[in-house]
Amino acid sequence: MTSLRQPQDSYEQFTEQDGGDASALEAQQNKAARVYQDSEWILIFLVHLGIMGVIAGMWGGDTVDFFRDIQANAEDNAEEVDQKTQDSAAAVLRSALPYVGIGIGVALGWAVFWVSLIQRYAENLIWIALLSSPVIFGIIALFMMMQSAVAGLLALIPFAVTAFYAYWIITYQRFRIEFATLMLEAVAEVVRFNPGTWITAMLSGLPSIVWQCAWFFVAASTFVHYKDSVETYPCTNPRTGAEELCAQAPASLYLAIFFLLVSNYWVIQVIINVVHVTTAGVVGEWYFQGRDRMSASPTTNSLKRAMTTSFGSICLGSLLVAIVQAIREIAEQARRNHEGNLVCMVIFCCFACIMSWIEYLIELFNHWAFVQVAIYGTDFKTAARNTFQLVQSKGLTGLVNMNLTGNASALGVIVGAILTAAVVALTSFPFLLTGPMHNESLSEDIKSAYHAAFTIVIVMGFVFGILFTSAVTKTVTSGVTAFFVCWAENPAVLESTNPRLHEAFASISEKYLQDQREATQAEAIGGGVNNMQRR
């Protein structure tokens, strides 16, 4: 097949590539030939779920009996509640439920509207995000400095970093804003015309909730099973000097805890990455095929690949992050358990910090590697190798692009949370706060219940705003990463599938190279003048 990558010189230099072939395009067009990659990790993942099921089956009965006894004791000790109080509590609940629905509706509406705003005002949002970061950190630093000089100096570090970054972008790298704007606008359009991407992201919360409930039951079953195996003995608290009871658990319990932590993080990571791979697959199809030649159900097809041929690769990459997360959690718990022992606290704190950075780097690497998995159907090892080569050649461009677009799209999360909470507060204020407060027939306890319901629905509205808008934002972020990987490896394909966008990228590259040539010439002239003056 003849290569499609025939970029102009300026385009070629800007993308830091020297020609290539159309193998990636061929792979994209031959999706039907895909085979299961890393299939052994699908089996390992399912076996691990089977072990969780066996634990629930073996120890779950004792756990149910244990909590039934607790409930029975609580009912025996509880005071009898009269029917009037029960009816009043039910009335409070019925009054609050409509505003929970309002919160869900407003949050969902804002999340959908936010995609259109990103597409229309991408450049403005990038500028706002870029300039607001040092302003916010500067305000925080001033506030912290009024409380403590040491805390203020520490708070100046993020301010200095974000201020320098903004100065560097604005002064020397402004073309990156234009570059990020084009990508953000294009991906927002893809997401808007393929709503299945963000719907998939939102619906992924359902299996997450089901898994968390199942995991908590298995974890509780494990602790109930081991409760009689834990030995207690008197000891002295090193911080307070008070006599306490310390516990000594068998080694098998610690192994079980580590397994449970890895299991929890692994499944959550798998769910997150299935959504990421699904979105990346849709954007990859749009990039290589063009909007008019996309399949009838691109999201469904991409999700199907993520759950079948690419699922083993997703399980493998997700497990790496899950293991690091479990180790970090154990280190943080060890630090909390050694409060009062300064040496141990410092050691565990440093170790947890190191593991946090490792976790971030692996998640960032996986974010790019899974795009290779989604678009080209490669196994995780091949995707990691290709990603490493991409990071070596275009790591800075990719990171800056992710930062600019990610921060811009994340602005909607803050606005969505505040907007949803404000709408819920305004609509529920007369019915859950002022109305009951002036109702003389209600007791003080019922008035307090209405006040608590008012606070709860506002908090729930705030949370709904974060969850729904975050789902859309993560979809856009995944799409931008997929777009960048496609463009970085096969820029000339865009000339065939989207000539207008190709022209825009070529124009940015030409302006960038022109600025570079002018800067080089100015530096050379300045150097020549200085040499003449010295002579």
Protein backbone atom coordinates (compact mmCIF):
# COMPACT_ATOMS: atom_id res chain seq x y z
CA MET A 1 0.00 0.00 0.00
CA THR A 2 1.34 3.41 -0.92
CA SER A 3 2.26 5.60 2.00
CA LEU A 4 -0.10 8.45 2.79
CA ARG A 5 2.50 10.28 4.83
CA GLN A 6 3.94 12.84 2.45
CA PRO A 7 4.12 15.94 4.68
CA GLN A 8 5.49 19.30 3.66
CA ASP A 9 8.91 20.21 5.04
CA SER A 10 7.48 22.56 7.63
CA TYR A 11 4.89 20.03 8.70
CA GLU A 12 7.52 17.30 8.83
CA GLN A 13 9.85 19.33 11.05
CA PHE A 14 7.07 20.44 13.35
CA THR A 15 5.91 16.87 13.93
CA GLU A 16 9.52 15.77 14.37
CA GLN A 17 9.14 12.91 11.92
CA ASP A 18 10.95 11.92 8.72
CA GLY A 19 8.40 10.14 6.63
CA GLY A 20 6.92 6.71 7.37
CA ASP A 21 4.39 4.24 6.11
CA ALA A 22 0.68 3.64 6.34
CA SER A 23 0.87 0.54 8.48
CA ALA A 24 -1.16 2.20 11.22
CA LEU A 25 -3.84 3.15 8.72
CA GLU A 26 -3.90 -0.38 7.37
CA ALA A 27 -4.28 -1.73 10.89
CA GLN A 28 -7.13 0.68 11.51
CA GLN A 29 -8.90 -0.35 8.33
CA ASN A 30 -8.43 -4.07 9.02
CA LYS A 31 -10.22 -4.17 12.36
CA ALA A 32 -11.94 -7.41 11.43
CA ALA A 33 -8.59 -9.23 11.58
CA ARG A 34 -8.06 -8.39 15.25
CA VAL A 35 -7.34 -11.24 17.64
CA TYR A 36 -7.47 -11.47 21.40
CA GLN A 37 -4.38 -9.85 22.91
CA ASP A 38 -2.94 -10.76 26.32
CA SER A 39 -5.77 -13.28 26.68
CA GLU A 40 -4.08 -14.99 29.64
CA TRP A 41 -4.72 -11.85 31.70
CA ILE A 42 -8.44 -12.14 31.04
CA LEU A 43 -8.28 -15.58 32.63
CA ILE A 44 -6.25 -14.28 35.59
CA PHE A 45 -8.75 -11.44 36.09
CA LEU A 46 -11.70 -13.85 36.03
CA VAL A 47 -9.93 -16.27 38.40
CA HIS A 48 -9.36 -13.40 40.81
CA LEU A 49 -13.08 -12.58 40.68
CA GLY A 50 -13.79 -16.24 41.27
CA ILE A 51 -11.62 -16.18 44.40
CA MET A 52 -13.60 -13.20 45.66
CA GLY A 53 -16.80 -15.16 45.04
CA VAL A 54 -15.44 -18.19 46.91
CA ILE A 55 -14.55 -16.00 49.91
CA ALA A 56 -18.06 -14.56 49.91
CA GLY A 57 -19.57 -18.03 49.72
CA MET A 58 -17.38 -19.53 52.46
CA TRP A 59 -17.44 -16.69 54.98
CA GLY A 60 -20.48 -14.65 53.92
CA GLY A 61 -22.95 -16.62 56.06
CA ASP A 62 -21.07 -15.83 59.27
CA THR A 63 -20.95 -12.18 58.25
CA VAL A 64 -24.73 -12.02 57.72
CA ASP A 65 -25.31 -13.62 61.13
CA PHE A 66 -22.81 -11.23 62.74
CA PHE A 67 -24.60 -8.14 61.45
CA ARG A 68 -28.02 -9.60 62.29
CA ASP A 69 -26.91 -9.92 65.90
CA ILE A 70 -25.73 -6.30 65.89
CA GLN A 71 -29.05 -5.17 64.43
CA ALA A 72 -31.02 -7.19 66.99
CA ASN A 73 -29.05 -5.68 69.87
CA ALA A 74 -29.57 -2.22 68.46
CA GLU A 75 -33.33 -2.76 68.19
CA ASP A 76 -33.50 -4.07 71.76
CA ASN A 77 -31.72 -0.97 73.08
CA ALA A 78 -33.54 1.55 70.91
CA GLU A 79 -36.39 3.62 72.24
CA GLU A 80 -39.77 3.06 70.64
CA VAL A 81 -40.51 5.70 68.04
CA ASP A 82 -44.12 6.84 67.88
CA GLN A 83 -46.06 6.68 64.63
CA LYS A 84 -46.33 10.47 64.33
CA THR A 85 -42.55 10.85 64.32
CA GLN A 86 -42.22 8.14 61.70
CA ASP A 87 -44.81 9.86 59.50
CA SER A 88 -43.03 13.20 59.90
CA ALA A 89 -39.68 11.67 58.92
CA ALA A 90 -41.29 10.13 55.84
CA ALA A 91 -42.76 13.53 54.95
CA VAL A 92 -39.29 15.11 55.16
CA LEU A 93 -37.90 12.42 52.86
CA ARG A 94 -40.72 12.91 50.34
CA SER A 95 -40.14 16.66 50.38
CA ALA A 96 -36.41 16.25 49.71
CA LEU A 97 -36.55 13.66 46.91
CA PRO A 98 -37.75 16.04 44.14
CA TYR A 99 -34.73 18.26 44.69
CA VAL A 100 -32.41 15.27 44.34
CA GLY A 101 -34.04 14.77 40.93
CA ILE A 102 -33.55 18.47 40.13
CA GLY A 103 -29.88 18.12 41.02
CA ILE A 104 -29.48 15.13 38.69
CA GLY A 105 -31.28 16.95 35.87
CA VAL A 106 -29.27 20.17 36.20
CA ALA A 107 -25.96 18.30 36.47
CA LEU A 108 -26.73 16.19 33.42
CA GLY A 109 -27.91 19.18 31.41
CA TRP A 110 -24.80 21.18 32.29
CA ALA A 111 -22.50 18.28 31.41
CA VAL A 112 -24.04 17.98 27.93
CA PHE A 113 -23.99 21.77 27.44
CA TRP A 114 -20.36 21.91 28.56
CA VAL A 115 -19.25 19.92 25.51
CA SER A 116 -20.72 22.60 23.25
CA LEU A 117 -19.02 25.33 25.25
CA ILE A 118 -15.67 23.56 24.94
CA GLN A 119 -16.05 23.37 21.17
CA ARG A 120 -17.09 27.01 20.85
CA TYR A 121 -14.78 28.66 23.38
CA ALA A 122 -11.81 26.27 23.50
CA GLU A 123 -9.15 28.97 23.21
CA ASN A 124 -10.77 31.20 25.83
CA LEU A 125 -11.02 28.29 28.26
CA ILE A 126 -7.36 27.41 27.73
CA TRP A 127 -6.31 30.99 28.50
CA ILE A 128 -8.54 31.15 31.58
CA ALA A 129 -7.14 27.87 32.92
CA LEU A 130 -3.55 28.90 32.18
CA LEU A 131 -3.80 32.29 33.91
CA SER A 132 -6.09 31.32 36.78
CA SER A 133 -3.75 28.65 38.18
CA PRO A 134 -0.99 31.05 39.38
CA VAL A 135 -3.65 33.50 40.62
CA ILE A 136 -5.36 30.83 42.73
CA PHE A 137 -2.07 29.49 44.10
CA GLY A 138 -0.94 33.06 44.81
CA ILE A 139 -4.07 33.75 46.87
CA ILE A 140 -3.57 30.48 48.75
CA ALA A 141 0.09 31.37 49.42
CA LEU A 142 -0.88 34.78 50.83
CA PHE A 143 -3.51 33.23 53.05
CA MET A 144 -1.09 30.55 54.28
CA MET A 145 1.60 33.17 54.91
CA MET A 146 -0.77 35.04 57.24
CA GLN A 147 -1.18 31.82 59.22
CA SER A 148 2.44 30.65 59.22
CA ALA A 149 5.62 31.82 57.50
CA VAL A 150 6.80 28.26 56.86
CA ALA A 151 3.45 27.19 55.42
CA GLY A 152 3.40 30.32 53.27
CA LEU A 153 6.85 29.62 51.85
CA LEU A 154 5.84 26.05 51.02
CA ALA A 155 2.66 27.34 49.35
CA LEU A 156 4.80 29.62 47.17
CA ILE A 157 6.27 26.58 45.40
CA PRO A 158 3.15 25.70 43.35
CA PHE A 159 2.60 29.41 42.71
CA ALA A 160 6.14 29.80 41.34
CA VAL A 161 5.83 26.66 39.19
CA THR A 162 2.46 27.63 37.65
CA ALA A 163 3.55 31.26 37.16
CA PHE A 164 6.75 30.20 35.39
CA TYR A 165 4.84 27.70 33.27
CA ALA A 166 2.32 30.37 32.21
CA TYR A 167 5.15 32.81 31.42
CA TRP A 168 7.00 30.16 29.37
CA ILE A 169 3.89 29.28 27.37
CA ILE A 170 2.84 32.88 26.72
CA THR A 171 6.31 34.18 25.91
CA TYR A 172 7.98 31.34 24.03
CA GLN A 173 5.41 28.63 23.28
CA ARG A 174 2.22 30.43 22.32
CA PHE A 175 1.80 28.23 19.25
CA ARG A 176 1.04 25.38 21.67
CA ILE A 177 -2.14 27.20 22.69
CA GLU A 178 -3.26 27.31 19.05
CA PHE A 179 -2.33 23.64 18.70
CA ALA A 180 -4.27 22.64 21.83
CA THR A 181 -7.23 24.77 20.74
CA LEU A 182 -7.55 22.93 17.45
CA MET A 183 -7.39 19.55 19.15
CA LEU A 184 -9.87 20.51 21.85
CA GLU A 185 -12.36 21.90 19.33
CA ALA A 186 -12.09 18.84 17.09
CA VAL A 187 -12.47 16.32 19.92
CA ALA A 188 -15.39 18.23 21.46
CA GLU A 189 -17.12 18.00 18.08
CA VAL A 190 -16.47 14.25 17.91
CA VAL A 191 -17.84 13.75 21.43
CA ARG A 192 -20.85 15.92 20.70
CA PHE A 193 -21.78 13.93 17.60
CA ASN A 194 -21.06 10.61 19.34
CA PRO A 195 -22.92 10.97 22.67
CA GLY A 196 -22.39 7.28 23.32
CA THR A 197 -18.87 8.15 24.49
CA TRP A 198 -19.95 10.25 27.46
CA ILE A 199 -23.03 8.11 28.10
CA THR A 200 -20.69 5.12 28.44
CA ALA A 201 -18.58 7.12 30.88
CA MET A 202 -21.60 8.00 33.01
CA LEU A 203 -23.04 4.48 32.95
CA SER A 204 -19.69 3.09 34.06
CA GLY A 205 -20.60 4.35 37.51
CA LEU A 206 -23.20 1.57 37.82
CA PRO A 207 -20.77 -1.39 37.69
CA SER A 208 -18.44 0.60 39.94
CA ILE A 209 -21.18 0.93 42.58
CA VAL A 210 -22.12 -2.75 42.29
CA TRP A 211 -18.47 -3.77 42.61
CA GLN A 212 -17.91 -1.55 45.66
CA CYS A 213 -20.91 -3.10 47.42
CA ALA A 214 -19.69 -6.62 46.61
CA TRP A 215 -16.14 -5.78 47.64
CA PHE A 216 -17.22 -4.33 50.99
CA PHE A 217 -19.19 -7.50 51.70
CA VAL A 218 -16.17 -9.70 50.91
CA ALA A 219 -13.89 -7.45 52.97
CA ALA A 220 -16.31 -7.55 55.91
CA SER A 221 -16.53 -11.33 55.57
CA THR A 222 -12.75 -11.56 55.75
CA PHE A 223 -12.48 -9.45 58.90
CA VAL A 224 -15.37 -11.30 60.59
CA HIS A 225 -13.67 -14.60 59.78
CA TYR A 226 -10.37 -13.45 61.31
CA LYS A 227 -11.81 -11.59 64.31
CA ASP A 228 -11.25 -14.54 66.64
CA SER A 229 -7.68 -15.01 65.35
CA VAL A 230 -6.51 -11.56 66.41
CA GLU A 231 -4.66 -11.55 69.73
CA THR A 232 -4.70 -8.48 71.97
CA TYR A 233 -2.12 -7.48 74.57
CA PRO A 234 -1.48 -4.39 76.73
CA CYS A 235 0.93 -1.78 75.36
CA THR A 236 1.89 1.88 75.81
CA ASN A 237 0.98 4.56 73.29
CA PRO A 238 4.34 6.21 72.35
CA ARG A 239 2.66 9.54 71.70
CA THR A 240 0.45 9.89 74.80
CA GLY A 241 2.08 7.40 77.17
CA ALA A 242 -1.33 5.92 77.95
CA GLU A 243 -1.91 2.20 78.40
CA GLU A 244 -3.80 0.66 75.46
CA LEU A 245 -4.65 -2.68 73.92
CA CYS A 246 -2.60 -3.59 70.86
CA ALA A 247 -3.51 -6.32 68.37
CA GLN A 248 -1.43 -9.03 66.77
CA ALA A 249 -2.96 -10.56 63.63
CA PRO A 250 -1.82 -13.68 61.76
CA ALA A 251 0.29 -13.19 58.62
CA SER A 252 -2.49 -14.67 56.47
CA LEU A 253 -4.73 -11.73 57.38
CA TYR A 254 -2.16 -9.26 56.07
CA LEU A 255 -1.92 -11.24 52.83
CA ALA A 256 -5.71 -11.22 52.58
CA ILE A 257 -5.79 -7.44 53.11
CA PHE A 258 -3.21 -6.92 50.34
CA PHE A 259 -5.21 -9.16 48.01
CA LEU A 260 -8.41 -7.28 48.80
CA LEU A 261 -6.77 -3.91 48.15
CA VAL A 262 -5.31 -5.06 44.84
CA SER A 263 -8.66 -6.55 43.88
CA ASN A 264 -10.57 -3.37 44.63
CA TYR A 265 -8.17 -1.09 42.77
CA TRP A 266 -7.81 -3.55 39.88
CA VAL A 267 -11.52 -3.73 39.05
CA ILE A 268 -11.94 0.04 39.36
CA GLN A 269 -8.95 0.61 37.06
CA VAL A 270 -10.34 -1.88 34.55
CA ILE A 271 -13.68 -0.05 34.45
CA ILE A 272 -11.95 3.33 34.03
CA ASN A 273 -9.68 2.05 31.27
CA VAL A 274 -12.49 0.30 29.39
CA VAL A 275 -14.17 3.71 29.10
CA HIS A 276 -10.87 5.32 28.05
CA VAL A 277 -10.21 2.67 25.38
CA THR A 278 -13.79 3.01 24.11
CA THR A 279 -13.45 6.77 23.62
CA ALA A 280 -10.00 6.42 22.08
CA GLY A 281 -11.35 3.88 19.60
CA VAL A 282 -14.12 6.25 18.50
CA VAL A 283 -11.70 9.16 18.01
CA GLY A 284 -9.27 6.86 16.21
CA GLU A 285 -11.99 5.79 13.78
CA TRP A 286 -12.93 9.43 13.18
CA TYR A 287 -9.28 10.32 12.56
CA PHE A 288 -8.53 7.51 10.10
CA GLN A 289 -11.92 7.24 8.39
CA GLY A 290 -13.34 10.75 8.60
CA ARG A 291 -16.67 11.71 10.11
CA ASP A 292 -18.70 10.84 7.01
CA ARG A 293 -17.18 7.35 6.71
CA MET A 294 -17.50 6.29 10.34
CA SER A 295 -19.48 3.15 11.14
CA ALA A 296 -23.13 3.36 12.14
CA SER A 297 -22.38 2.63 15.82
CA PRO A 298 -18.76 3.64 16.50
CA THR A 299 -19.14 3.71 20.29
CA THR A 300 -20.79 0.29 20.43
CA ASN A 301 -18.13 -1.20 18.17
CA SER A 302 -15.32 0.36 20.19
CA LEU A 303 -16.82 -0.79 23.48
CA LYS A 304 -17.19 -4.30 22.07
CA ARG A 305 -13.48 -4.36 21.17
CA ALA A 306 -12.55 -3.02 24.60
CA MET A 307 -14.52 -5.80 26.28
CA THR A 308 -13.22 -8.58 24.01
CA THR A 309 -10.00 -8.43 21.98
CA SER A 310 -8.43 -5.61 24.01
CA PHE A 311 -9.71 -6.65 27.43
CA GLY A 312 -6.63 -8.70 28.32
CA SER A 313 -4.35 -5.74 27.64
CA ILE A 314 -6.59 -3.54 29.76
CA CYS A 315 -6.43 -6.06 32.62
CA LEU A 316 -2.64 -6.22 32.46
CA GLY A 317 -2.07 -2.46 32.40
CA SER A 318 -4.67 -1.90 35.12
CA LEU A 319 -3.05 -4.49 37.40
CA LEU A 320 0.25 -2.59 37.38
CA VAL A 321 -1.47 0.52 38.73
CA ALA A 322 -3.56 -1.49 41.22
CA ILE A 323 -0.48 -3.10 42.81
CA VAL A 324 1.21 0.28 43.27
CA GLN A 325 -2.02 1.76 44.72
CA ALA A 326 -2.30 -1.11 47.19
CA ILE A 327 1.32 -0.67 48.33
CA ARG A 328 0.78 3.08 48.72
CA GLU A 329 -2.36 2.51 50.80
CA ILE A 330 -0.51 0.09 53.10
CA ALA A 331 2.33 2.61 53.53
CA GLU A 332 -0.11 5.38 54.42
CA GLN A 333 -1.88 3.15 56.93
CA ALA A 334 1.49 2.20 58.45
CA ARG A 335 2.29 5.90 58.83
CA ARG A 336 -1.00 6.47 60.64
CA ASN A 337 -0.36 3.48 62.89
CA HIS A 338 3.04 4.86 63.94
CA GLU A 339 1.92 8.33 64.98
CA GLY A 340 4.23 9.44 67.75
CA ASN A 341 7.24 7.64 66.30
CA LEU A 342 8.84 10.40 64.23
CA VAL A 343 11.39 8.19 62.46
CA CYS A 344 8.81 5.64 61.31
CA MET A 345 6.37 8.36 60.27
CA VAL A 346 9.00 10.07 58.09
CA ILE A 347 10.05 6.77 56.50
CA PHE A 348 6.52 5.66 55.68
CA CYS A 349 5.53 9.16 54.57
CA CYS A 350 8.46 9.34 52.11
CA PHE A 351 7.73 5.83 50.86
CA ALA A 352 4.04 6.65 50.32
CA CYS A 353 5.04 9.83 48.47
CA ILE A 354 7.37 7.86 46.19
CA MET A 355 4.65 5.32 45.49
CA SER A 356 2.23 8.16 44.67
CA TRP A 357 4.63 9.50 42.04
CA ILE A 358 5.14 6.02 40.61
CA GLU A 359 1.37 5.56 40.49
CA TYR A 360 0.97 8.88 38.64
CA LEU A 361 3.67 8.03 36.10
CA ILE A 362 2.26 4.56 35.39
CA GLU A 363 -1.27 5.96 35.03
CA LEU A 364 0.03 8.64 32.65
CA PHE A 365 1.97 6.06 30.64
CA ASN A 366 -1.05 3.73 30.52
CA HIS A 367 -3.24 6.61 29.37
CA TRP A 368 -1.15 6.86 26.21
CA ALA A 369 -0.46 3.13 25.84
CA PHE A 370 -4.16 2.25 25.90
CA VAL A 371 -4.69 4.52 22.90
CA GLN A 372 -2.37 2.21 20.95
CA VAL A 373 -4.39 -0.74 22.24
CA ALA A 374 -7.68 0.90 21.22
CA ILE A 375 -6.72 2.06 17.73
CA TYR A 376 -4.24 -0.52 16.49
CA GLY A 377 -5.34 -3.55 18.50
CA THR A 378 -1.81 -4.24 19.79
CA ASP A 379 -0.92 -6.20 22.90
CA PHE A 380 0.08 -4.21 25.98
CA LYS A 381 3.81 -4.93 25.60
CA THR A 382 3.86 -3.62 22.03
CA ALA A 383 1.72 -0.65 23.02
CA ALA A 384 4.13 0.16 25.85
CA ARG A 385 7.13 -0.01 23.52
CA ASN A 386 5.45 2.24 20.94
CA THR A 387 4.39 4.65 23.67
CA PHE A 388 7.94 4.81 25.01
CA GLN A 389 9.21 5.73 21.54
CA LEU A 390 6.46 8.35 21.23
CA VAL A 391 7.35 9.83 24.61
CA GLN A 392 11.01 10.05 23.60
CA SER A 393 10.20 11.96 20.42
CA LYS A 394 7.17 14.02 21.45
CA GLY A 395 6.85 13.67 25.20
CA LEU A 396 7.03 17.41 25.91
CA THR A 397 4.48 18.29 23.24
CA GLY A 398 2.12 15.61 24.50
CA LEU A 399 2.41 16.60 28.15
CA VAL A 400 1.90 20.31 27.45
CA ASN A 401 -1.05 19.52 25.20
CA MET A 402 -2.62 17.30 27.88
CA ASN A 403 -2.10 19.98 30.50
CA LEU A 404 -3.59 22.83 28.46
CA THR A 405 -6.61 20.88 27.22
CA GLY A 406 -7.16 18.97 30.46
CA ASN A 407 -7.16 22.07 32.66
CA ALA A 408 -9.45 23.91 30.23
CA SER A 409 -12.04 21.14 30.11
CA ALA A 410 -11.80 20.61 33.89
CA LEU A 411 -13.06 24.16 34.49
CA GLY A 412 -16.53 22.84 33.76
CA VAL A 413 -16.36 20.47 36.74
CA ILE A 414 -16.03 23.37 39.18
CA VAL A 415 -18.71 25.44 37.44
CA GLY A 416 -21.04 22.44 37.15
CA ALA A 417 -20.74 21.58 40.84
CA ILE A 418 -21.38 25.16 41.99
CA LEU A 419 -24.20 25.70 39.47
CA THR A 420 -26.02 22.49 40.42
CA ALA A 421 -25.69 23.18 44.15
CA ALA A 422 -26.92 26.75 43.65
CA VAL A 423 -30.00 25.70 41.64
CA VAL A 424 -30.89 23.03 44.20
CA ALA A 425 -30.44 25.53 47.04
CA LEU A 426 -32.60 28.18 45.40
CA THR A 427 -35.42 25.81 44.49
CA SER A 428 -35.49 23.97 47.81
CA PHE A 429 -34.97 27.01 50.07
CA PRO A 430 -38.67 27.94 50.48
CA PHE A 431 -39.82 24.34 51.01
CA LEU A 432 -37.04 22.76 53.08
CA LEU A 433 -35.80 25.74 55.10
CA THR A 434 -37.92 28.88 55.44
CA GLY A 435 -41.29 27.10 55.17
CA PRO A 436 -40.70 24.52 57.93
CA MET A 437 -38.90 27.07 60.10
CA HIS A 438 -42.05 29.23 60.23
CA ASN A 439 -44.45 26.31 60.67
CA GLU A 440 -45.47 26.42 64.32
CA SER A 441 -47.13 22.99 64.16
CA LEU A 442 -43.77 21.24 63.61
CA SER A 443 -41.58 20.18 66.50
CA GLU A 444 -37.98 21.33 66.80
CA ASP A 445 -36.76 17.86 65.90
CA ILE A 446 -38.73 17.86 62.65
CA LYS A 447 -37.51 21.38 61.84
CA SER A 448 -33.96 20.18 62.38
CA ALA A 449 -34.68 17.24 60.06
CA TYR A 450 -35.84 19.65 57.33
CA HIS A 451 -32.72 21.75 57.85
CA ALA A 452 -30.55 18.64 57.55
CA ALA A 453 -32.42 17.59 54.40
CA PHE A 454 -31.79 21.05 52.91
CA THR A 455 -28.06 20.70 53.54
CA ILE A 456 -27.95 17.14 52.23
CA VAL A 457 -29.69 17.91 48.91
CA ILE A 458 -27.28 20.81 48.30
CA VAL A 459 -24.28 18.58 48.96
CA MET A 460 -25.77 15.89 46.70
CA GLY A 461 -26.30 18.49 43.97
CA PHE A 462 -22.66 19.53 44.30
CA VAL A 463 -21.55 15.89 44.04
CA PHE A 464 -23.81 15.24 41.02
CA GLY A 465 -22.30 18.26 39.29
CA ILE A 466 -18.80 16.89 39.85
CA LEU A 467 -19.64 13.32 38.78
CA PHE A 468 -21.54 14.07 35.58
CA THR A 469 -19.24 16.83 34.35
CA SER A 470 -16.17 14.77 35.25
CA ALA A 471 -17.49 11.95 33.07
CA VAL A 472 -17.73 14.31 30.09
CA THR A 473 -14.37 15.91 30.89
CA LYS A 474 -12.59 12.56 31.08
CA THR A 475 -14.16 11.60 27.75
CA VAL A 476 -12.76 14.76 26.16
CA THR A 477 -9.35 14.15 27.75
CA SER A 478 -9.27 10.58 26.41
CA GLY A 479 -10.25 11.88 23.00
CA VAL A 480 -7.54 14.53 22.97
CA THR A 481 -4.90 11.93 23.88
CA ALA A 482 -6.13 9.62 21.10
CA PHE A 483 -6.12 12.47 18.61
CA PHE A 484 -2.59 13.46 19.60
CA VAL A 485 -1.25 9.89 19.27
CA CYS A 486 -2.86 9.51 15.82
CA TRP A 487 -1.56 12.85 14.65
CA ALA A 488 1.94 12.33 16.07
CA GLU A 489 2.34 8.98 14.32
CA ASN A 490 0.38 9.58 11.09
CA PRO A 491 -0.15 13.33 10.52
CA ALA A 492 -0.66 13.07 6.74
CA VAL A 493 -3.74 10.86 7.15
CA LEU A 494 -5.56 13.96 8.34
CA GLU A 495 -5.08 15.52 4.89
CA SER A 496 -7.29 12.80 3.45
CA THR A 497 -9.93 12.58 6.20
CA ASN A 498 -10.12 16.23 7.31
CA PRO A 499 -8.35 18.63 4.90
CA ARG A 500 -9.51 21.76 6.74
CA LEU A 501 -8.02 20.60 10.04
CA HIS A 502 -4.86 19.47 8.27
CA GLU A 503 -4.45 22.95 6.77
CA ALA A 504 -4.89 24.52 10.21
CA PHE A 505 -2.18 22.34 11.75
CA ALA A 506 0.13 23.03 8.80
CA SER A 507 -0.45 26.78 9.26
CA ILE A 508 0.48 26.58 12.96
CA SER A 509 3.63 24.63 12.15
CA GLU A 510 4.65 27.16 9.51
CA LYS A 511 4.20 30.07 11.94
CA TYR A 512 6.16 28.21 14.59
CA LEU A 513 9.06 27.52 12.23
CA GLN A 514 9.00 31.12 10.97
CA ASP A 515 9.27 32.39 14.56
CA GLN A 516 12.12 29.97 15.20
CA ARG A 517 13.98 31.14 12.09
CA GLU A 518 13.52 34.80 13.06
CA ALA A 519 14.72 34.13 16.60
CA THR A 520 17.77 32.29 15.27
CA GLN A 521 18.58 35.11 12.86
CA ALA A 522 18.17 37.72 15.61
CA GLU A 523 20.45 35.75 17.87
CA ALA A 524 23.04 35.44 15.11
CA ILE A 525 22.90 39.19 14.34
CA GLY A 526 23.18 40.03 18.03
CA GLY A 527 26.16 37.74 18.39
CA GLY A 528 27.85 39.34 15.36
CA VAL A 529 27.32 42.85 16.74
CA ASN A 530 28.81 41.84 20.11
CA ASN A 531 31.86 40.35 18.40
CA MET A 532 32.39 43.54 16.40
CA GLN A 533 32.13 45.65 19.56
CA ARG A 534 34.68 43.50 21.35
CA ARG A 535 37.08 43.86 18.43
